[in-house]
Amino acid sequence: MKNKNVENTSIAINEVQLLLAEKRTSLSVLRTGIAVLALPLSVLSILIATSEYYDVLTVIPLLIPLGALVLSLIVLGGYLIVRSMIRMRHYEHLIRQLKRKHSLIAEFID
């Protein structure tokens, strides 16, 4: 009976380790989403800062594709951020369930 209890605790610890690894992956995706979101903001700030050196009507064929690229990067960055936040909340919920189910590991996890 004791061997089975140790085995269950070992499985629970492995499950928590797996969930924490998935949470770290979600944090990496969040960091990537923030970086992807920061790139269009820096491009737009450079365009605004240098706007006195060019005429918008003459460079509009360049600004339209650039605007589409900036918009797509903003959407991609937002998607990555929202998706990683949802997944992290899901993993936190699963970890809380494991803590309730296995009281031995609850003292090791905040």
PDB file of N, CA and C in Angstrom:
ATOM      1  N   MET A   1       0.823  -1.192   0.000  1.00  0.00           N
ATOM      2  CA  MET A   1       0.000   0.000   0.000  1.00  0.00           C
ATOM      3  C   MET A   1       0.867   1.256   0.000  1.00  0.00           C
ATOM      4  N   LYS A   2       1.951   1.212   0.786  1.00  0.00           N
ATOM      5  CA  LYS A   2       2.838   2.364   0.861  1.00  0.00           C
ATOM      6  C   LYS A   2       3.525   2.613  -0.473  1.00  0.00           C
ATOM      7  N   ASN A   3       3.888   1.560  -1.173  1.00  0.00           N
ATOM      8  CA  ASN A   3       4.541   1.672  -2.477  1.00  0.00           C
ATOM      9  C   ASN A   3       3.616   2.358  -3.484  1.00  0.00           C
ATOM     10  N   LYS A   4       2.336   2.049  -3.431  1.00  0.00           N
ATOM     11  CA  LYS A   4       1.379   2.663  -4.343  1.00  0.00           C
ATOM     12  C   LYS A   4       1.202   4.149  -4.036  1.00  0.00           C
ATOM     13  N   ASN A   5       1.234   4.509  -2.745  1.00  0.00           N
ATOM     14  CA  ASN A   5       1.116   5.907  -2.343  1.00  0.00           C
ATOM     15  C   ASN A   5       2.320   6.722  -2.830  1.00  0.00           C
ATOM     16  N   VAL A   6       3.505   6.123  -2.725  1.00  0.00           N
ATOM     17  CA  VAL A   6       4.723   6.778  -3.216  1.00  0.00           C
ATOM     18  C   VAL A   6       4.662   6.932  -4.728  1.00  0.00           C
ATOM     19  N   GLU A   7       4.140   5.925  -5.406  1.00  0.00           N
ATOM     20  CA  GLU A   7       4.010   5.966  -6.864  1.00  0.00           C
ATOM     21  C   GLU A   7       3.034   7.069  -7.296  1.00  0.00           C
ATOM     22  N   ASN A   8       1.913   7.204  -6.584  1.00  0.00           N
ATOM     23  CA  ASN A   8       0.946   8.260  -6.897  1.00  0.00           C
ATOM     24  C   ASN A   8       1.546   9.646  -6.684  1.00  0.00           C
ATOM     25  N   THR A   9       2.318   9.790  -5.608  1.00  0.00           N
ATOM     26  CA  THR A   9       2.970  11.075  -5.346  1.00  0.00           C
ATOM     27  C   THR A   9       3.996  11.380  -6.430  1.00  0.00           C
ATOM     28  N   SER A  10       4.718  10.381  -6.859  1.00  0.00           N
ATOM     29  CA  SER A  10       5.704  10.557  -7.924  1.00  0.00           C
ATOM     30  C   SER A  10       5.034  10.977  -9.228  1.00  0.00           C
ATOM     31  N   ILE A  11       3.913  10.368  -9.541  1.00  0.00           N
ATOM     32  CA  ILE A  11       3.167  10.734 -10.755  1.00  0.00           C
ATOM     33  C   ILE A  11       2.654  12.164 -10.643  1.00  0.00           C
ATOM     34  N   ALA A  12       2.172  12.525  -9.464  1.00  0.00           N
ATOM     35  CA  ALA A  12       1.667  13.889  -9.263  1.00  0.00           C
ATOM     36  C   ALA A  12       2.782  14.914  -9.423  1.00  0.00           C
ATOM     37  N   ILE A  13       3.951  14.611  -8.897  1.00  0.00           N
ATOM     38  CA  ILE A  13       5.091  15.527  -9.050  1.00  0.00           C
ATOM     39  C   ILE A  13       5.465  15.668 -10.514  1.00  0.00           C
ATOM     40  N   ASN A  14       5.460  14.568 -11.249  1.00  0.00           N
ATOM     41  CA  ASN A  14       5.761  14.629 -12.683  1.00  0.00           C
ATOM     42  C   ASN A  14       4.713  15.441 -13.434  1.00  0.00           C
ATOM     43  N   GLU A  15       3.441  15.316 -13.042  1.00  0.00           N
ATOM     44  CA  GLU A  15       2.385  16.104 -13.679  1.00  0.00           C
ATOM     45  C   GLU A  15       2.588  17.595 -13.427  1.00  0.00           C
ATOM     46  N   VAL A  16       2.950  17.947 -12.208  1.00  0.00           N
ATOM     47  CA  VAL A  16       3.190  19.355 -11.879  1.00  0.00           C
ATOM     48  C   VAL A  16       4.395  19.878 -12.654  1.00  0.00           C
ATOM     49  N   GLN A  17       5.444  19.068 -12.759  1.00  0.00           N
ATOM     50  CA  GLN A  17       6.615  19.481 -13.532  1.00  0.00           C
ATOM     51  C   GLN A  17       6.246  19.734 -14.992  1.00  0.00           C
ATOM     52  N   LEU A  18       5.417  18.866 -15.545  1.00  0.00           N
ATOM     53  CA  LEU A  18       4.973  19.037 -16.924  1.00  0.00           C
ATOM     54  C   LEU A  18       4.163  20.326 -17.077  1.00  0.00           C
ATOM     55  N   LEU A  19       3.254  20.566 -16.136  1.00  0.00           N
ATOM     56  CA  LEU A  19       2.442  21.787 -16.210  1.00  0.00           C
ATOM     57  C   LEU A  19       3.302  23.042 -16.047  1.00  0.00           C
ATOM     58  N   LEU A  20       4.290  22.984 -15.180  1.00  0.00           N
ATOM     59  CA  LEU A  20       5.178  24.138 -15.017  1.00  0.00           C
ATOM     60  C   LEU A  20       6.032  24.366 -16.263  1.00  0.00           C
ATOM     61  N   ALA A  21       6.424  23.294 -16.929  1.00  0.00           N
ATOM     62  CA  ALA A  21       7.162  23.444 -18.188  1.00  0.00           C
ATOM     63  C   ALA A  21       6.271  24.080 -19.253  1.00  0.00           C
ATOM     64  N   GLU A  22       5.013  23.662 -19.300  1.00  0.00           N
ATOM     65  CA  GLU A  22       4.075  24.272 -20.248  1.00  0.00           C
ATOM     66  C   GLU A  22       3.843  25.740 -19.912  1.00  0.00           C
ATOM     67  N   LYS A  23       3.806  26.059 -18.637  1.00  0.00           N
ATOM     68  CA  LYS A  23       3.632  27.454 -18.227  1.00  0.00           C
ATOM     69  C   LYS A  23       4.843  28.287 -18.642  1.00  0.00           C
ATOM     70  N   ARG A  24       6.047  27.730 -18.505  1.00  0.00           N
ATOM     71  CA  ARG A  24       7.248  28.435 -18.964  1.00  0.00           C
ATOM     72  C   ARG A  24       7.198  28.684 -20.467  1.00  0.00           C
ATOM     73  N   THR A  25       6.689  27.711 -21.209  1.00  0.00           N
ATOM     74  CA  THR A  25       6.542  27.879 -22.651  1.00  0.00           C
ATOM     75  C   THR A  25       5.564  29.010 -22.964  1.00  0.00           C
ATOM     76  N   SER A  26       4.477  29.073 -22.212  1.00  0.00           N
ATOM     77  CA  SER A  26       3.513  30.156 -22.408  1.00  0.00           C
ATOM     78  C   SER A  26       4.134  31.512 -22.075  1.00  0.00           C
ATOM     79  N   LEU A  27       4.987  31.550 -21.059  1.00  0.00           N
ATOM     80  CA  LEU A  27       5.685  32.798 -20.742  1.00  0.00           C
ATOM     81  C   LEU A  27       6.626  33.215 -21.866  1.00  0.00           C
ATOM     82  N   SER A  28       7.252  32.235 -22.508  1.00  0.00           N
ATOM     83  CA  SER A  28       8.115  32.540 -23.652  1.00  0.00           C
ATOM     84  C   SER A  28       7.304  33.089 -24.816  1.00  0.00           C
ATOM     85  N   VAL A  29       6.127  32.513 -25.039  1.00  0.00           N
ATOM     86  CA  VAL A  29       5.249  33.020 -26.099  1.00  0.00           C
ATOM     87  C   VAL A  29       4.791  34.441 -25.759  1.00  0.00           C
ATOM     88  N   LEU A  30       4.520  34.701 -24.487  1.00  0.00           N
ATOM     89  CA  LEU A  30       4.139  36.045 -24.056  1.00  0.00           C
ATOM     90  C   LEU A  30       5.263  37.036 -24.331  1.00  0.00           C
ATOM     91  N   ARG A  31       6.482  36.651 -24.008  1.00  0.00           N
ATOM     92  CA  ARG A  31       7.640  37.516 -24.258  1.00  0.00           C
ATOM     93  C   ARG A  31       7.815  37.774 -25.756  1.00  0.00           C
ATOM     94  N   THR A  32       7.605  36.751 -26.569  1.00  0.00           N
ATOM     95  CA  THR A  32       7.693  36.912 -28.020  1.00  0.00           C
ATOM     96  C   THR A  32       6.591  37.836 -28.527  1.00  0.00           C
ATOM     97  N   GLY A  33       5.384  37.683 -28.001  1.00  0.00           N
ATOM     98  CA  GLY A  33       4.275  38.550 -28.403  1.00  0.00           C
ATOM     99  C   GLY A  33       4.544  40.007 -28.069  1.00  0.00           C
ATOM    100  N   ILE A  34       5.137  40.259 -26.915  1.00  0.00           N
ATOM    101  CA  ILE A  34       5.469  41.633 -26.537  1.00  0.00           C
ATOM    102  C   ILE A  34       6.524  42.201 -27.482  1.00  0.00           C
ATOM    103  N   ALA A  35       7.509  41.391 -27.842  1.00  0.00           N
ATOM    104  CA  ALA A  35       8.545  41.857 -28.773  1.00  0.00           C
ATOM    105  C   ALA A  35       7.961  42.126 -30.155  1.00  0.00           C
ATOM    106  N   VAL A  36       7.072  41.246 -30.614  1.00  0.00           N
ATOM    107  CA  VAL A  36       6.440  41.439 -31.926  1.00  0.00           C
ATOM    108  C   VAL A  36       5.563  42.690 -31.904  1.00  0.00           C
ATOM    109  N   LEU A  37       4.933  42.958 -30.785  1.00  0.00           N
ATOM    110  CA  LEU A  37       4.091  44.144 -30.655  1.00  0.00           C
ATOM    111  C   LEU A  37       4.930  45.422 -30.568  1.00  0.00           C
ATOM    112  N   ALA A  38       6.113  45.336 -30.012  1.00  0.00           N
ATOM    113  CA  ALA A  38       6.965  46.519 -29.873  1.00  0.00           C
ATOM    114  C   ALA A  38       7.573  46.949 -31.205  1.00  0.00           C
ATOM    115  N   LEU A  39       7.799  46.020 -32.118  1.00  0.00           N
ATOM    116  CA  LEU A  39       8.420  46.352 -33.407  1.00  0.00           C
ATOM    117  C   LEU A  39       7.589  47.344 -34.221  1.00  0.00           C
ATOM    118  N   PRO A  40       6.284  47.127 -34.422  1.00  0.00           N
ATOM    119  CA  PRO A  40       5.507  48.101 -35.197  1.00  0.00           C
ATOM    120  C   PRO A  40       5.422  49.465 -34.512  1.00  0.00           C
ATOM    121  N   LEU A  41       5.410  49.471 -33.195  1.00  0.00           N
ATOM    122  CA  LEU A  41       5.359  50.745 -32.490  1.00  0.00           C
ATOM    123  C   LEU A  41       6.638  51.556 -32.723  1.00  0.00           C
ATOM    124  N   SER A  42       7.772  50.888 -32.764  1.00  0.00           N
ATOM    125  CA  SER A  42       9.018  51.602 -33.023  1.00  0.00           C
ATOM    126  C   SER A  42       9.087  52.076 -34.475  1.00  0.00           C
ATOM    127  N   VAL A  43       8.586  51.271 -35.406  1.00  0.00           N
ATOM    128  CA  VAL A  43       8.566  51.691 -36.816  1.00  0.00           C
ATOM    129  C   VAL A  43       7.663  52.914 -36.987  1.00  0.00           C
ATOM    130  N   LEU A  44       6.493  52.876 -36.361  1.00  0.00           N
ATOM    131  CA  LEU A  44       5.584  54.021 -36.455  1.00  0.00           C
ATOM    132  C   LEU A  44       6.173  55.264 -35.815  1.00  0.00           C
ATOM    133  N   SER A  45       6.872  55.119 -34.709  1.00  0.00           N
ATOM    134  CA  SER A  45       7.474  56.296 -34.073  1.00  0.00           C
ATOM    135  C   SER A  45       8.572  56.896 -34.941  1.00  0.00           C
ATOM    136  N   ILE A  46       9.337  56.057 -35.650  1.00  0.00           N
ATOM    137  CA  ILE A  46      10.359  56.580 -36.564  1.00  0.00           C
ATOM    138  C   ILE A  46       9.701  57.303 -37.731  1.00  0.00           C
ATOM    139  N   LEU A  47       8.616  56.738 -38.259  1.00  0.00           N
ATOM    140  CA  LEU A  47       7.908  57.395 -39.361  1.00  0.00           C
ATOM    141  C   LEU A  47       7.342  58.747 -38.934  1.00  0.00           C
ATOM    142  N   ILE A  48       6.805  58.810 -37.743  1.00  0.00           N
ATOM    143  CA  ILE A  48       6.262  60.078 -37.263  1.00  0.00           C
ATOM    144  C   ILE A  48       7.373  61.085 -37.013  1.00  0.00           C
ATOM    145  N   ALA A  49       8.487  60.632 -36.445  1.00  0.00           N
ATOM    146  CA  ALA A  49       9.595  61.544 -36.156  1.00  0.00           C
ATOM    147  C   ALA A  49      10.227  62.103 -37.426  1.00  0.00           C
ATOM    148  N   THR A  50      10.237  61.327 -38.498  1.00  0.00           N
ATOM    149  CA  THR A  50      10.869  61.786 -39.742  1.00  0.00           C
ATOM    150  C   THR A  50       9.845  62.282 -40.760  1.00  0.00           C
ATOM    151  N   SER A  51       8.621  62.504 -40.360  1.00  0.00           N
ATOM    152  CA  SER A  51       7.569  62.871 -41.316  1.00  0.00           C
ATOM    153  C   SER A  51       7.786  64.233 -41.964  1.00  0.00           C
ATOM    154  N   GLU A  52       8.576  65.078 -41.365  1.00  0.00           N
ATOM    155  CA  GLU A  52       8.813  66.382 -41.987  1.00  0.00           C
ATOM    156  C   GLU A  52       9.784  66.306 -43.156  1.00  0.00           C
ATOM    157  N   TYR A  53      10.470  65.166 -43.310  1.00  0.00           N
ATOM    158  CA  TYR A  53      11.449  65.014 -44.379  1.00  0.00           C
ATOM    159  C   TYR A  53      10.884  64.386 -45.651  1.00  0.00           C
ATOM    160  N   TYR A  54       9.632  64.002 -45.645  1.00  0.00           N
ATOM    161  CA  TYR A  54       9.031  63.422 -46.842  1.00  0.00           C
ATOM    162  C   TYR A  54       7.588  63.896 -46.974  1.00  0.00           C
ATOM    163  N   ASP A  55       7.088  63.805 -48.203  1.00  0.00           N
ATOM    164  CA  ASP A  55       5.696  64.150 -48.477  1.00  0.00           C
ATOM    165  C   ASP A  55       4.890  62.860 -48.504  1.00  0.00           C
ATOM    166  N   VAL A  56       3.846  62.801 -47.688  1.00  0.00           N
ATOM    167  CA  VAL A  56       3.066  61.581 -47.537  1.00  0.00           C
ATOM    168  C   VAL A  56       2.460  61.147 -48.875  1.00  0.00           C
ATOM    169  N   LEU A  57       1.997  62.095 -49.688  1.00  0.00           N
ATOM    170  CA  LEU A  57       1.346  61.743 -50.947  1.00  0.00           C
ATOM    171  C   LEU A  57       2.313  61.113 -51.955  1.00  0.00           C
ATOM    172  N   THR A  58       3.580  61.475 -51.882  1.00  0.00           N
ATOM    173  CA  THR A  58       4.538  60.894 -52.832  1.00  0.00           C
ATOM    174  C   THR A  58       5.017  59.508 -52.403  1.00  0.00           C
ATOM    175  N   VAL A  59       4.987  59.222 -51.129  1.00  0.00           N
ATOM    176  CA  VAL A  59       5.455  57.908 -50.657  1.00  0.00           C
ATOM    177  C   VAL A  59       4.301  56.992 -50.240  1.00  0.00           C
ATOM    178  N   ILE A  60       3.091  57.359 -50.613  1.00  0.00           N
ATOM    179  CA  ILE A  60       1.930  56.533 -50.248  1.00  0.00           C
ATOM    180  C   ILE A  60       2.016  55.101 -50.771  1.00  0.00           C
ATOM    181  N   PRO A  61       2.610  54.855 -51.989  1.00  0.00           N
ATOM    182  CA  PRO A  61       2.740  53.449 -52.418  1.00  0.00           C
ATOM    183  C   PRO A  61       3.630  52.619 -51.483  1.00  0.00           C
ATOM    184  N   LEU A  62       4.525  53.264 -50.762  1.00  0.00           N
ATOM    185  CA  LEU A  62       5.353  52.553 -49.795  1.00  0.00           C
ATOM    186  C   LEU A  62       4.680  52.459 -48.426  1.00  0.00           C
ATOM    187  N   LEU A  63       3.900  53.473 -48.079  1.00  0.00           N
ATOM    188  CA  LEU A  63       3.272  53.508 -46.761  1.00  0.00           C
ATOM    189  C   LEU A  63       2.113  52.516 -46.634  1.00  0.00           C
ATOM    190  N   ILE A  64       1.417  52.257 -47.718  1.00  0.00           N
ATOM    191  CA  ILE A  64       0.279  51.330 -47.654  1.00  0.00           C
ATOM    192  C   ILE A  64       0.745  49.904 -47.323  1.00  0.00           C
ATOM    193  N   PRO A  65       1.732  49.337 -48.043  1.00  0.00           N
ATOM    194  CA  PRO A  65       2.194  47.990 -47.642  1.00  0.00           C
ATOM    195  C   PRO A  65       2.833  47.983 -46.249  1.00  0.00           C
ATOM    196  N   LEU A  66       3.547  49.069 -45.935  1.00  0.00           N
ATOM    197  CA  LEU A  66       4.145  49.151 -44.602  1.00  0.00           C
ATOM    198  C   LEU A  66       3.058  49.194 -43.528  1.00  0.00           C
ATOM    199  N   GLY A  67       1.993  49.931 -43.777  1.00  0.00           N
ATOM    200  CA  GLY A  67       0.869  49.980 -42.839  1.00  0.00           C
ATOM    201  C   GLY A  67       0.214  48.625 -42.676  1.00  0.00           C
ATOM    202  N   ALA A  68       0.078  47.891 -43.790  1.00  0.00           N
ATOM    203  CA  ALA A  68      -0.501  46.544 -43.710  1.00  0.00           C
ATOM    204  C   ALA A  68       0.398  45.606 -42.904  1.00  0.00           C
ATOM    205  N   LEU A  69       1.700  45.730 -43.109  1.00  0.00           N
ATOM    206  CA  LEU A  69       2.649  44.907 -42.356  1.00  0.00           C
ATOM    207  C   LEU A  69       2.610  45.260 -40.869  1.00  0.00           C
ATOM    208  N   VAL A  70       2.569  46.545 -40.567  1.00  0.00           N
ATOM    209  CA  VAL A  70       2.501  46.988 -39.174  1.00  0.00           C
ATOM    210  C   VAL A  70       1.214  46.488 -38.520  1.00  0.00           C
ATOM    211  N   LEU A  71       0.113  46.601 -39.229  1.00  0.00           N
ATOM    212  CA  LEU A  71      -1.164  46.140 -38.689  1.00  0.00           C
ATOM    213  C   LEU A  71      -1.153  44.631 -38.449  1.00  0.00           C
ATOM    214  N   SER A  72      -0.577  43.890 -39.388  1.00  0.00           N
ATOM    215  CA  SER A  72      -0.526  42.437 -39.203  1.00  0.00           C
ATOM    216  C   SER A  72       0.384  42.057 -38.031  1.00  0.00           C
ATOM    217  N   LEU A  73       1.479  42.795 -37.826  1.00  0.00           N
ATOM    218  CA  LEU A  73       2.345  42.519 -36.676  1.00  0.00           C
ATOM    219  C   LEU A  73       1.645  42.859 -35.361  1.00  0.00           C
ATOM    220  N   ILE A  74       0.856  43.921 -35.362  1.00  0.00           N
ATOM    221  CA  ILE A  74       0.097  44.273 -34.154  1.00  0.00           C
ATOM    222  C   ILE A  74      -0.920  43.182 -33.833  1.00  0.00           C
ATOM    223  N   VAL A  75      -1.598  42.689 -34.860  1.00  0.00           N
ATOM    224  CA  VAL A  75      -2.585  41.624 -34.647  1.00  0.00           C
ATOM    225  C   VAL A  75      -1.893  40.351 -34.161  1.00  0.00           C
ATOM    226  N   LEU A  76      -0.767  39.992 -34.771  1.00  0.00           N
ATOM    227  CA  LEU A  76      -0.034  38.794 -34.365  1.00  0.00           C
ATOM    228  C   LEU A  76       0.465  38.916 -32.928  1.00  0.00           C
ATOM    229  N   GLY A  77       1.039  40.062 -32.582  1.00  0.00           N
ATOM    230  CA  GLY A  77       1.516  40.269 -31.217  1.00  0.00           C
ATOM    231  C   GLY A  77       0.386  40.198 -30.206  1.00  0.00           C
ATOM    232  N   GLY A  78      -0.744  40.825 -30.519  1.00  0.00           N
ATOM    233  CA  GLY A  78      -1.896  40.767 -29.626  1.00  0.00           C
ATOM    234  C   GLY A  78      -2.411  39.353 -29.461  1.00  0.00           C
ATOM    235  N   TYR A  79      -2.463  38.606 -30.579  1.00  0.00           N
ATOM    236  CA  TYR A  79      -2.919  37.217 -30.526  1.00  0.00           C
ATOM    237  C   TYR A  79      -2.005  36.377 -29.633  1.00  0.00           C
ATOM    238  N   LEU A  80      -0.686  36.532 -29.804  1.00  0.00           N
ATOM    239  CA  LEU A  80       0.255  35.758 -28.993  1.00  0.00           C
ATOM    240  C   LEU A  80       0.122  36.089 -27.511  1.00  0.00           C
ATOM    241  N   ILE A  81      -0.065  37.366 -27.202  1.00  0.00           N
ATOM    242  CA  ILE A  81      -0.190  37.775 -25.804  1.00  0.00           C
ATOM    243  C   ILE A  81      -1.468  37.212 -25.190  1.00  0.00           C
ATOM    244  N   VAL A  82      -2.581  37.373 -25.873  1.00  0.00           N
ATOM    245  CA  VAL A  82      -3.859  36.896 -25.330  1.00  0.00           C
ATOM    246  C   VAL A  82      -3.857  35.378 -25.197  1.00  0.00           C
ATOM    247  N   ARG A  83      -3.348  34.694 -26.203  1.00  0.00           N
ATOM    248  CA  ARG A  83      -3.319  33.229 -26.164  1.00  0.00           C
ATOM    249  C   ARG A  83      -2.456  32.720 -25.019  1.00  0.00           C
ATOM    250  N   SER A  84      -1.301  33.334 -24.813  1.00  0.00           N
ATOM    251  CA  SER A  84      -0.431  32.866 -23.729  1.00  0.00           C
ATOM    252  C   SER A  84      -1.036  33.162 -22.363  1.00  0.00           C
ATOM    253  N   MET A  85      -1.730  34.296 -22.217  1.00  0.00           N
ATOM    254  CA  MET A  85      -2.380  34.596 -20.941  1.00  0.00           C
ATOM    255  C   MET A  85      -3.483  33.578 -20.641  1.00  0.00           C
ATOM    256  N   ILE A  86      -4.264  33.220 -21.641  1.00  0.00           N
ATOM    257  CA  ILE A  86      -5.334  32.231 -21.443  1.00  0.00           C
ATOM    258  C   ILE A  86      -4.743  30.881 -21.071  1.00  0.00           C
ATOM    259  N   ARG A  87      -3.684  30.490 -21.760  1.00  0.00           N
ATOM    260  CA  ARG A  87      -3.066  29.197 -21.470  1.00  0.00           C
ATOM    261  C   ARG A  87      -2.432  29.172 -20.086  1.00  0.00           C
ATOM    262  N   MET A  88      -1.822  30.267 -19.664  1.00  0.00           N
ATOM    263  CA  MET A  88      -1.228  30.301 -18.333  1.00  0.00           C
ATOM    264  C   MET A  88      -2.296  30.181 -17.250  1.00  0.00           C
ATOM    265  N   ARG A  89      -3.425  30.845 -17.456  1.00  0.00           N
ATOM    266  CA  ARG A  89      -4.514  30.713 -16.487  1.00  0.00           C
ATOM    267  C   ARG A  89      -5.018  29.271 -16.441  1.00  0.00           C
ATOM    268  N   HIS A  90      -5.076  28.615 -17.596  1.00  0.00           N
ATOM    269  CA  HIS A  90      -5.509  27.215 -17.652  1.00  0.00           C
ATOM    270  C   HIS A  90      -4.532  26.322 -16.879  1.00  0.00           C
ATOM    271  N   TYR A  91      -3.233  26.536 -17.074  1.00  0.00           N
ATOM    272  CA  TYR A  91      -2.242  25.723 -16.373  1.00  0.00           C
ATOM    273  C   TYR A  91      -2.289  25.982 -14.873  1.00  0.00           C
ATOM    274  N   GLU A  92      -2.509  27.229 -14.471  1.00  0.00           N
ATOM    275  CA  GLU A  92      -2.652  27.543 -13.048  1.00  0.00           C
ATOM    276  C   GLU A  92      -3.839  26.804 -12.451  1.00  0.00           C
ATOM    277  N   HIS A  93      -4.934  26.750 -13.189  1.00  0.00           N
ATOM    278  CA  HIS A  93      -6.118  26.026 -12.718  1.00  0.00           C
ATOM    279  C   HIS A  93      -5.811  24.535 -12.542  1.00  0.00           C
ATOM    280  N   LEU A  94      -5.110  23.955 -13.507  1.00  0.00           N
ATOM    281  CA  LEU A  94      -4.759  22.536 -13.406  1.00  0.00           C
ATOM    282  C   LEU A  94      -3.815  22.274 -12.235  1.00  0.00           C
ATOM    283  N   ILE A  95      -2.881  23.184 -11.990  1.00  0.00           N
ATOM    284  CA  ILE A  95      -1.957  23.032 -10.866  1.00  0.00           C
ATOM    285  C   ILE A  95      -2.723  23.119  -9.540  1.00  0.00           C
ATOM    286  N   ARG A  96      -3.667  24.042  -9.452  1.00  0.00           N
ATOM    287  CA  ARG A  96      -4.480  24.146  -8.237  1.00  0.00           C
ATOM    288  C   ARG A  96      -5.266  22.855  -7.996  1.00  0.00           C
ATOM    289  N   GLN A  97      -5.789  22.262  -9.062  1.00  0.00           N
ATOM    290  CA  GLN A  97      -6.513  20.994  -8.918  1.00  0.00           C
ATOM    291  C   GLN A  97      -5.597  19.888  -8.397  1.00  0.00           C
ATOM    292  N   LEU A  98      -4.377  19.834  -8.924  1.00  0.00           N
ATOM    293  CA  LEU A  98      -3.428  18.825  -8.448  1.00  0.00           C
ATOM    294  C   LEU A  98      -3.043  19.060  -6.991  1.00  0.00           C
ATOM    295  N   LYS A  99      -2.927  20.326  -6.597  1.00  0.00           N
ATOM    296  CA  LYS A  99      -2.599  20.628  -5.207  1.00  0.00           C
ATOM    297  C   LYS A  99      -3.716  20.165  -4.275  1.00  0.00           C
ATOM    298  N   ARG A 100      -4.955  20.344  -4.695  1.00  0.00           N
ATOM    299  CA  ARG A 100      -6.077  19.885  -3.877  1.00  0.00           C
ATOM    300  C   ARG A 100      -6.140  18.358  -3.824  1.00  0.00           C
ATOM    301  N   LYS A 101      -5.805  17.732  -4.921  1.00  0.00           N
ATOM    302  CA  LYS A 101      -5.910  16.270  -5.010  1.00  0.00           C
ATOM    303  C   LYS A 101      -4.786  15.578  -4.233  1.00  0.00           C
ATOM    304  N   HIS A 102      -3.578  16.145  -4.299  1.00  0.00           N
ATOM    305  CA  HIS A 102      -2.406  15.545  -3.650  1.00  0.00           C
ATOM    306  C   HIS A 102      -1.878  16.523  -2.603  1.00  0.00           C
ATOM    307  N   SER A 103      -2.199  16.296  -1.374  1.00  0.00           N
ATOM    308  CA  SER A 103      -1.827  17.222  -0.308  1.00  0.00           C
ATOM    309  C   SER A 103      -0.326  17.225  -0.040  1.00  0.00           C
ATOM    310  N   LEU A 104       0.372  16.152  -0.392  1.00  0.00           N
ATOM    311  CA  LEU A 104       1.810  16.105  -0.145  1.00  0.00           C
ATOM    312  C   LEU A 104       2.580  17.116  -0.980  1.00  0.00           C
ATOM    313  N   ILE A 105       2.139  17.361  -2.194  1.00  0.00           N
ATOM    314  CA  ILE A 105       2.865  18.309  -3.036  1.00  0.00           C
ATOM    315  C   ILE A 105       2.392  19.731  -2.846  1.00  0.00           C
ATOM    316  N   ALA A 106       1.294  19.922  -2.156  1.00  0.00           N
ATOM    317  CA  ALA A 106       0.737  21.263  -1.977  1.00  0.00           C
ATOM    318  C   ALA A 106       1.668  22.172  -1.201  1.00  0.00           C
ATOM    319  N   GLU A 107       2.438  21.605  -0.288  1.00  0.00           N
ATOM    320  CA  GLU A 107       3.329  22.438   0.524  1.00  0.00           C
ATOM    321  C   GLU A 107       4.539  22.940  -0.275  1.00  0.00           C
ATOM    322  N   PHE A 108       4.851  22.315  -1.396  1.00  0.00           N
ATOM    323  CA  PHE A 108       6.008  22.707  -2.190  1.00  0.00           C
ATOM    324  C   PHE A 108       5.671  23.718  -3.283  1.00  0.00           C
ATOM    325  N   ILE A 109       4.386  23.902  -3.583  1.00  0.00           N
ATOM    326  CA  ILE A 109       3.973  24.759  -4.691  1.00  0.00           C
ATOM    327  C   ILE A 109       3.191  25.947  -4.140  1.00  0.00           C
ATOM    328  N   ASP A 110       3.574  27.116  -4.571  1.00  0.00           N
ATOM    329  CA  ASP A 110       2.827  28.329  -4.185  1.00  0.00           C
ATOM    330  C   ASP A 110       1.653  28.544  -5.078  1.00  0.00           C
TER     331      ASP A 110
END
